[in-house]
Amino acid sequence: MKKTMLALLALGMILVGTIWTFQGLGYLEGSAMTGVETWAVIGPLVAGLGVALLIVVMRPRDSD
């Protein structure tokens, strides 16, 4: 159960980070974040942390 919740959190971080990146770059409009360079930096950081979390969560555990 914990592994599933962490995996969902990681996927959410990836999705949100991707959206923030595209908003910061001006590709997604309709938000106060559109065209703000700060979000073009924060977005990839959040998405990258999500990918790292997903890798850690999905790694097989050693049974030693």
PDB file of N, CA and C in Angstrom:
ATOM      1  N   MET A   1       0.826  -1.192   0.000  1.00  0.00           N
ATOM      2  CA  MET A   1       0.000   0.000   0.000  1.00  0.00           C
ATOM      3  C   MET A   1       0.872   1.258   0.000  1.00  0.00           C
ATOM      4  N   LYS A   2       1.916   1.277   0.830  1.00  0.00           N
ATOM      5  CA  LYS A   2       2.805   2.428   0.907  1.00  0.00           C
ATOM      6  C   LYS A   2       3.509   2.645  -0.441  1.00  0.00           C
ATOM      7  N   LYS A   3       3.918   1.551  -1.069  1.00  0.00           N
ATOM      8  CA  LYS A   3       4.596   1.634  -2.359  1.00  0.00           C
ATOM      9  C   LYS A   3       3.666   2.227  -3.414  1.00  0.00           C
ATOM     10  N   THR A   4       2.406   1.847  -3.393  1.00  0.00           N
ATOM     11  CA  THR A   4       1.430   2.369  -4.350  1.00  0.00           C
ATOM     12  C   THR A   4       1.213   3.862  -4.142  1.00  0.00           C
ATOM     13  N   MET A   5       1.101   4.283  -2.899  1.00  0.00           N
ATOM     14  CA  MET A   5       0.886   5.700  -2.604  1.00  0.00           C
ATOM     15  C   MET A   5       2.089   6.544  -3.021  1.00  0.00           C
ATOM     16  N   LEU A   6       3.290   6.055  -2.763  1.00  0.00           N
ATOM     17  CA  LEU A   6       4.483   6.788  -3.166  1.00  0.00           C
ATOM     18  C   LEU A   6       4.609   6.850  -4.687  1.00  0.00           C
ATOM     19  N   ALA A   7       4.231   5.772  -5.362  1.00  0.00           N
ATOM     20  CA  ALA A   7       4.271   5.766  -6.824  1.00  0.00           C
ATOM     21  C   ALA A   7       3.262   6.772  -7.385  1.00  0.00           C
ATOM     22  N   LEU A   8       2.080   6.854  -6.795  1.00  0.00           N
ATOM     23  CA  LEU A   8       1.083   7.831  -7.239  1.00  0.00           C
ATOM     24  C   LEU A   8       1.562   9.258  -6.969  1.00  0.00           C
ATOM     25  N   LEU A   9       2.204   9.476  -5.842  1.00  0.00           N
ATOM     26  CA  LEU A   9       2.768  10.785  -5.539  1.00  0.00           C
ATOM     27  C   LEU A   9       3.824  11.161  -6.577  1.00  0.00           C
ATOM     28  N   ALA A  10       4.682  10.212  -6.916  1.00  0.00           N
ATOM     29  CA  ALA A  10       5.729  10.459  -7.912  1.00  0.00           C
ATOM     30  C   ALA A  10       5.121  10.801  -9.270  1.00  0.00           C
ATOM     31  N   LEU A  11       4.099  10.067  -9.677  1.00  0.00           N
ATOM     32  CA  LEU A  11       3.444  10.350 -10.952  1.00  0.00           C
ATOM     33  C   LEU A  11       2.771  11.719 -10.931  1.00  0.00           C
ATOM     34  N   GLY A  12       2.193  12.075  -9.802  1.00  0.00           N
ATOM     35  CA  GLY A  12       1.593  13.399  -9.662  1.00  0.00           C
ATOM     36  C   GLY A  12       2.635  14.503  -9.773  1.00  0.00           C
ATOM     37  N   MET A  13       3.798  14.288  -9.156  1.00  0.00           N
ATOM     38  CA  MET A  13       4.881  15.271  -9.241  1.00  0.00           C
ATOM     39  C   MET A  13       5.360  15.429 -10.679  1.00  0.00           C
ATOM     40  N   ILE A  14       5.449  14.319 -11.396  1.00  0.00           N
ATOM     41  CA  ILE A  14       5.874  14.371 -12.798  1.00  0.00           C
ATOM     42  C   ILE A  14       4.862  15.153 -13.623  1.00  0.00           C
ATOM     43  N   LEU A  15       3.593  14.870 -13.418  1.00  0.00           N
ATOM     44  CA  LEU A  15       2.532  15.561 -14.163  1.00  0.00           C
ATOM     45  C   LEU A  15       2.521  17.054 -13.849  1.00  0.00           C
ATOM     46  N   VAL A  16       2.539  17.405 -12.576  1.00  0.00           N
ATOM     47  CA  VAL A  16       2.508  18.812 -12.174  1.00  0.00           C
ATOM     48  C   VAL A  16       3.759  19.537 -12.674  1.00  0.00           C
ATOM     49  N   GLY A  17       4.904  18.910 -12.532  1.00  0.00           N
ATOM     50  CA  GLY A  17       6.150  19.519 -13.010  1.00  0.00           C
ATOM     51  C   GLY A  17       6.135  19.767 -14.503  1.00  0.00           C
ATOM     52  N   THR A  18       5.568  18.827 -15.246  1.00  0.00           N
ATOM     53  CA  THR A  18       5.460  18.995 -16.701  1.00  0.00           C
ATOM     54  C   THR A  18       4.531  20.155 -17.046  1.00  0.00           C
ATOM     55  N   ILE A  19       3.399  20.227 -16.369  1.00  0.00           N
ATOM     56  CA  ILE A  19       2.451  21.323 -16.608  1.00  0.00           C
ATOM     57  C   ILE A  19       3.097  22.660 -16.274  1.00  0.00           C
ATOM     58  N   TRP A  20       3.771  22.739 -15.126  1.00  0.00           N
ATOM     59  CA  TRP A  20       4.420  23.992 -14.740  1.00  0.00           C
ATOM     60  C   TRP A  20       5.478  24.398 -15.757  1.00  0.00           C
ATOM     61  N   THR A  21       6.223  23.415 -16.270  1.00  0.00           N
ATOM     62  CA  THR A  21       7.250  23.716 -17.264  1.00  0.00           C
ATOM     63  C   THR A  21       6.628  24.327 -18.509  1.00  0.00           C
ATOM     64  N   PHE A  22       5.591  23.693 -19.029  1.00  0.00           N
ATOM     65  CA  PHE A  22       4.948  24.193 -20.246  1.00  0.00           C
ATOM     66  C   PHE A  22       4.285  25.548 -20.013  1.00  0.00           C
ATOM     67  N   GLN A  23       3.751  25.771 -18.820  1.00  0.00           N
ATOM     68  CA  GLN A  23       3.178  27.084 -18.517  1.00  0.00           C
ATOM     69  C   GLN A  23       4.285  28.140 -18.450  1.00  0.00           C
ATOM     70  N   GLY A  24       5.368  27.805 -17.801  1.00  0.00           N
ATOM     71  CA  GLY A  24       6.477  28.747 -17.693  1.00  0.00           C
ATOM     72  C   GLY A  24       7.081  29.100 -19.030  1.00  0.00           C
ATOM     73  N   LEU A  25       7.085  28.149 -19.950  1.00  0.00           N
ATOM     74  CA  LEU A  25       7.616  28.393 -21.291  1.00  0.00           C
ATOM     75  C   LEU A  25       6.604  29.076 -22.202  1.00  0.00           C
ATOM     76  N   GLY A  26       5.362  29.194 -21.735  1.00  0.00           N
ATOM     77  CA  GLY A  26       4.335  29.873 -22.510  1.00  0.00           C
ATOM     78  C   GLY A  26       3.552  28.989 -23.456  1.00  0.00           C
ATOM     79  N   TYR A  27       3.741  27.668 -23.382  1.00  0.00           N
ATOM     80  CA  TYR A  27       3.013  26.747 -24.262  1.00  0.00           C
ATOM     81  C   TYR A  27       1.587  26.482 -23.785  1.00  0.00           C
ATOM     82  N   LEU A  28       1.354  26.548 -22.486  1.00  0.00           N
ATOM     83  CA  LEU A  28       0.009  26.406 -21.919  1.00  0.00           C
ATOM     84  C   LEU A  28      -0.418  27.766 -21.394  1.00  0.00           C
ATOM     85  N   GLU A  29      -1.510  28.275 -21.917  1.00  0.00           N
ATOM     86  CA  GLU A  29      -1.962  29.605 -21.533  1.00  0.00           C
ATOM     87  C   GLU A  29      -3.159  29.518 -20.598  1.00  0.00           C
ATOM     88  N   GLY A  30      -3.554  30.674 -20.080  1.00  0.00           N
ATOM     89  CA  GLY A  30      -4.735  30.749 -19.235  1.00  0.00           C
ATOM     90  C   GLY A  30      -4.438  30.733 -17.758  1.00  0.00           C
ATOM     91  N   SER A  31      -3.217  31.057 -17.385  1.00  0.00           N
ATOM     92  CA  SER A  31      -2.830  31.037 -15.986  1.00  0.00           C
ATOM     93  C   SER A  31      -1.912  32.223 -15.711  1.00  0.00           C
ATOM     94  N   ALA A  32      -1.849  32.621 -14.448  1.00  0.00           N
ATOM     95  CA  ALA A  32      -0.909  33.672 -14.061  1.00  0.00           C
ATOM     96  C   ALA A  32       0.536  33.185 -14.186  1.00  0.00           C
ATOM     97  N   MET A  33       0.723  31.873 -14.277  1.00  0.00           N
ATOM     98  CA  MET A  33       2.056  31.295 -14.397  1.00  0.00           C
ATOM     99  C   MET A  33       2.552  31.296 -15.838  1.00  0.00           C
ATOM    100  N   THR A  34       1.696  31.585 -16.791  1.00  0.00           N
ATOM    101  CA  THR A  34       2.052  31.536 -18.206  1.00  0.00           C
ATOM    102  C   THR A  34       3.126  32.574 -18.519  1.00  0.00           C
ATOM    103  N   GLY A  35       4.211  32.103 -19.090  1.00  0.00           N
ATOM    104  CA  GLY A  35       5.290  32.980 -19.509  1.00  0.00           C
ATOM    105  C   GLY A  35       6.215  33.437 -18.396  1.00  0.00           C
ATOM    106  N   VAL A  36       6.029  32.939 -17.172  1.00  0.00           N
ATOM    107  CA  VAL A  36       6.888  33.316 -16.048  1.00  0.00           C
ATOM    108  C   VAL A  36       8.044  32.315 -15.983  1.00  0.00           C
ATOM    109  N   GLU A  37       9.250  32.829 -16.182  1.00  0.00           N
ATOM    110  CA  GLU A  37      10.429  31.954 -16.275  1.00  0.00           C
ATOM    111  C   GLU A  37      10.670  31.131 -15.016  1.00  0.00           C
ATOM    112  N   THR A  38      10.244  31.624 -13.878  1.00  0.00           N
ATOM    113  CA  THR A  38      10.427  30.894 -12.621  1.00  0.00           C
ATOM    114  C   THR A  38       9.821  29.500 -12.720  1.00  0.00           C
ATOM    115  N   TRP A  39       8.638  29.403 -13.320  1.00  0.00           N
ATOM    116  CA  TRP A  39       7.970  28.110 -13.433  1.00  0.00           C
ATOM    117  C   TRP A  39       8.632  27.210 -14.464  1.00  0.00           C
ATOM    118  N   ALA A  40       9.348  27.809 -15.413  1.00  0.00           N
ATOM    119  CA  ALA A  40      10.109  27.025 -16.382  1.00  0.00           C
ATOM    120  C   ALA A  40      11.327  26.379 -15.725  1.00  0.00           C
ATOM    121  N   VAL A  41      11.705  26.868 -14.559  1.00  0.00           N
ATOM    122  CA  VAL A  41      12.816  26.286 -13.796  1.00  0.00           C
ATOM    123  C   VAL A  41      12.290  25.323 -12.729  1.00  0.00           C
ATOM    124  N   ILE A  42      11.263  25.749 -11.995  1.00  0.00           N
ATOM    125  CA  ILE A  42      10.713  24.930 -10.920  1.00  0.00           C
ATOM    126  C   ILE A  42      10.074  23.648 -11.474  1.00  0.00           C
ATOM    127  N   GLY A  43       9.399  23.753 -12.607  1.00  0.00           N
ATOM    128  CA  GLY A  43       8.711  22.597 -13.194  1.00  0.00           C
ATOM    129  C   GLY A  43       9.616  21.401 -13.439  1.00  0.00           C
ATOM    130  N   PRO A  44      10.728  21.578 -14.157  1.00  0.00           N
ATOM    131  CA  PRO A  44      11.619  20.430 -14.372  1.00  0.00           C
ATOM    132  C   PRO A  44      12.223  19.878 -13.079  1.00  0.00           C
ATOM    133  N   LEU A  45      12.447  20.757 -12.104  1.00  0.00           N
ATOM    134  CA  LEU A  45      12.974  20.272 -10.821  1.00  0.00           C
ATOM    135  C   LEU A  45      11.965  19.353 -10.134  1.00  0.00           C
ATOM    136  N   VAL A  46      10.707  19.763 -10.108  1.00  0.00           N
ATOM    137  CA  VAL A  46       9.668  18.941  -9.480  1.00  0.00           C
ATOM    138  C   VAL A  46       9.491  17.634 -10.260  1.00  0.00           C
ATOM    139  N   ALA A  47       9.461  17.729 -11.582  1.00  0.00           N
ATOM    140  CA  ALA A  47       9.312  16.521 -12.401  1.00  0.00           C
ATOM    141  C   ALA A  47      10.506  15.582 -12.202  1.00  0.00           C
ATOM    142  N   GLY A  48      11.695  16.138 -12.130  1.00  0.00           N
ATOM    143  CA  GLY A  48      12.890  15.320 -11.909  1.00  0.00           C
ATOM    144  C   GLY A  48      12.873  14.621 -10.561  1.00  0.00           C
ATOM    145  N   LEU A  49      12.421  15.332  -9.529  1.00  0.00           N
ATOM    146  CA  LEU A  49      12.286  14.695  -8.215  1.00  0.00           C
ATOM    147  C   LEU A  49      11.239  13.576  -8.264  1.00  0.00           C
ATOM    148  N   GLY A  50      10.182  13.794  -9.031  1.00  0.00           N
ATOM    149  CA  GLY A  50       9.165  12.750  -9.195  1.00  0.00           C
ATOM    150  C   GLY A  50       9.732  11.516  -9.867  1.00  0.00           C
ATOM    151  N   VAL A  51      10.546  11.718 -10.896  1.00  0.00           N
ATOM    152  CA  VAL A  51      11.180  10.585 -11.580  1.00  0.00           C
ATOM    153  C   VAL A  51      12.108   9.849 -10.618  1.00  0.00           C
ATOM    154  N   ALA A  52      12.898  10.594  -9.855  1.00  0.00           N
ATOM    155  CA  ALA A  52      13.810   9.973  -8.893  1.00  0.00           C
ATOM    156  C   ALA A  52      13.031   9.166  -7.850  1.00  0.00           C
ATOM    157  N   LEU A  53      11.934   9.734  -7.346  1.00  0.00           N
ATOM    158  CA  LEU A  53      11.114   9.021  -6.368  1.00  0.00           C
ATOM    159  C   LEU A  53      10.527   7.756  -6.975  1.00  0.00           C
ATOM    160  N   LEU A  54      10.055   7.848  -8.204  1.00  0.00           N
ATOM    161  CA  LEU A  54       9.478   6.678  -8.866  1.00  0.00           C
ATOM    162  C   LEU A  54      10.520   5.572  -9.050  1.00  0.00           C
ATOM    163  N   ILE A  55      11.740   5.950  -9.400  1.00  0.00           N
ATOM    164  CA  ILE A  55      12.815   4.962  -9.549  1.00  0.00           C
ATOM    165  C   ILE A  55      13.094   4.269  -8.223  1.00  0.00           C
ATOM    166  N   VAL A  56      13.160   5.037  -7.156  1.00  0.00           N
ATOM    167  CA  VAL A  56      13.435   4.462  -5.834  1.00  0.00           C
ATOM    168  C   VAL A  56      12.291   3.546  -5.400  1.00  0.00           C
ATOM    169  N   VAL A  57      11.064   3.979  -5.628  1.00  0.00           N
ATOM    170  CA  VAL A  57       9.895   3.192  -5.208  1.00  0.00           C
ATOM    171  C   VAL A  57       9.791   1.893  -5.995  1.00  0.00           C
ATOM    172  N   MET A  58      10.093   1.942  -7.279  1.00  0.00           N
ATOM    173  CA  MET A  58       9.911   0.771  -8.136  1.00  0.00           C
ATOM    174  C   MET A  58      11.104  -0.189  -8.106  1.00  0.00           C
ATOM    175  N   ARG A  59      12.185   0.222  -7.444  1.00  0.00           N
ATOM    176  CA  ARG A  59      13.362  -0.647  -7.373  1.00  0.00           C
ATOM    177  C   ARG A  59      13.025  -1.907  -6.569  1.00  0.00           C
ATOM    178  N   PRO A  60      13.416  -3.061  -7.083  1.00  0.00           N
ATOM    179  CA  PRO A  60      13.140  -4.285  -6.314  1.00  0.00           C
ATOM    180  C   PRO A  60      13.940  -4.288  -5.007  1.00  0.00           C
ATOM    181  N   ARG A  61      13.315  -4.788  -3.964  1.00  0.00           N
ATOM    182  CA  ARG A  61      13.969  -4.846  -2.656  1.00  0.00           C
ATOM    183  C   ARG A  61      14.795  -6.115  -2.563  1.00  0.00           C
ATOM    184  N   ASP A  62      15.944  -5.985  -1.912  1.00  0.00           N
ATOM    185  CA  ASP A  62      16.766  -7.161  -1.630  1.00  0.00           C
ATOM    186  C   ASP A  62      16.139  -7.930  -0.477  1.00  0.00           C
ATOM    187  N   SER A  63      16.176  -9.241  -0.551  1.00  0.00           N
ATOM    188  CA  SER A  63      15.592 -10.057   0.496  1.00  0.00           C
ATOM    189  C   SER A  63      16.634 -10.538   1.506  1.00  0.00           C
ATOM    190  N   ASP A  64      17.797  -9.900   1.508  1.00  0.00           N
ATOM    191  CA  ASP A  64      18.857 -10.304   2.449  1.00  0.00           C
ATOM    192  C   ASP A  64      18.569  -9.847   3.839  1.00  0.00           C
TER     193      ASP A  64
END
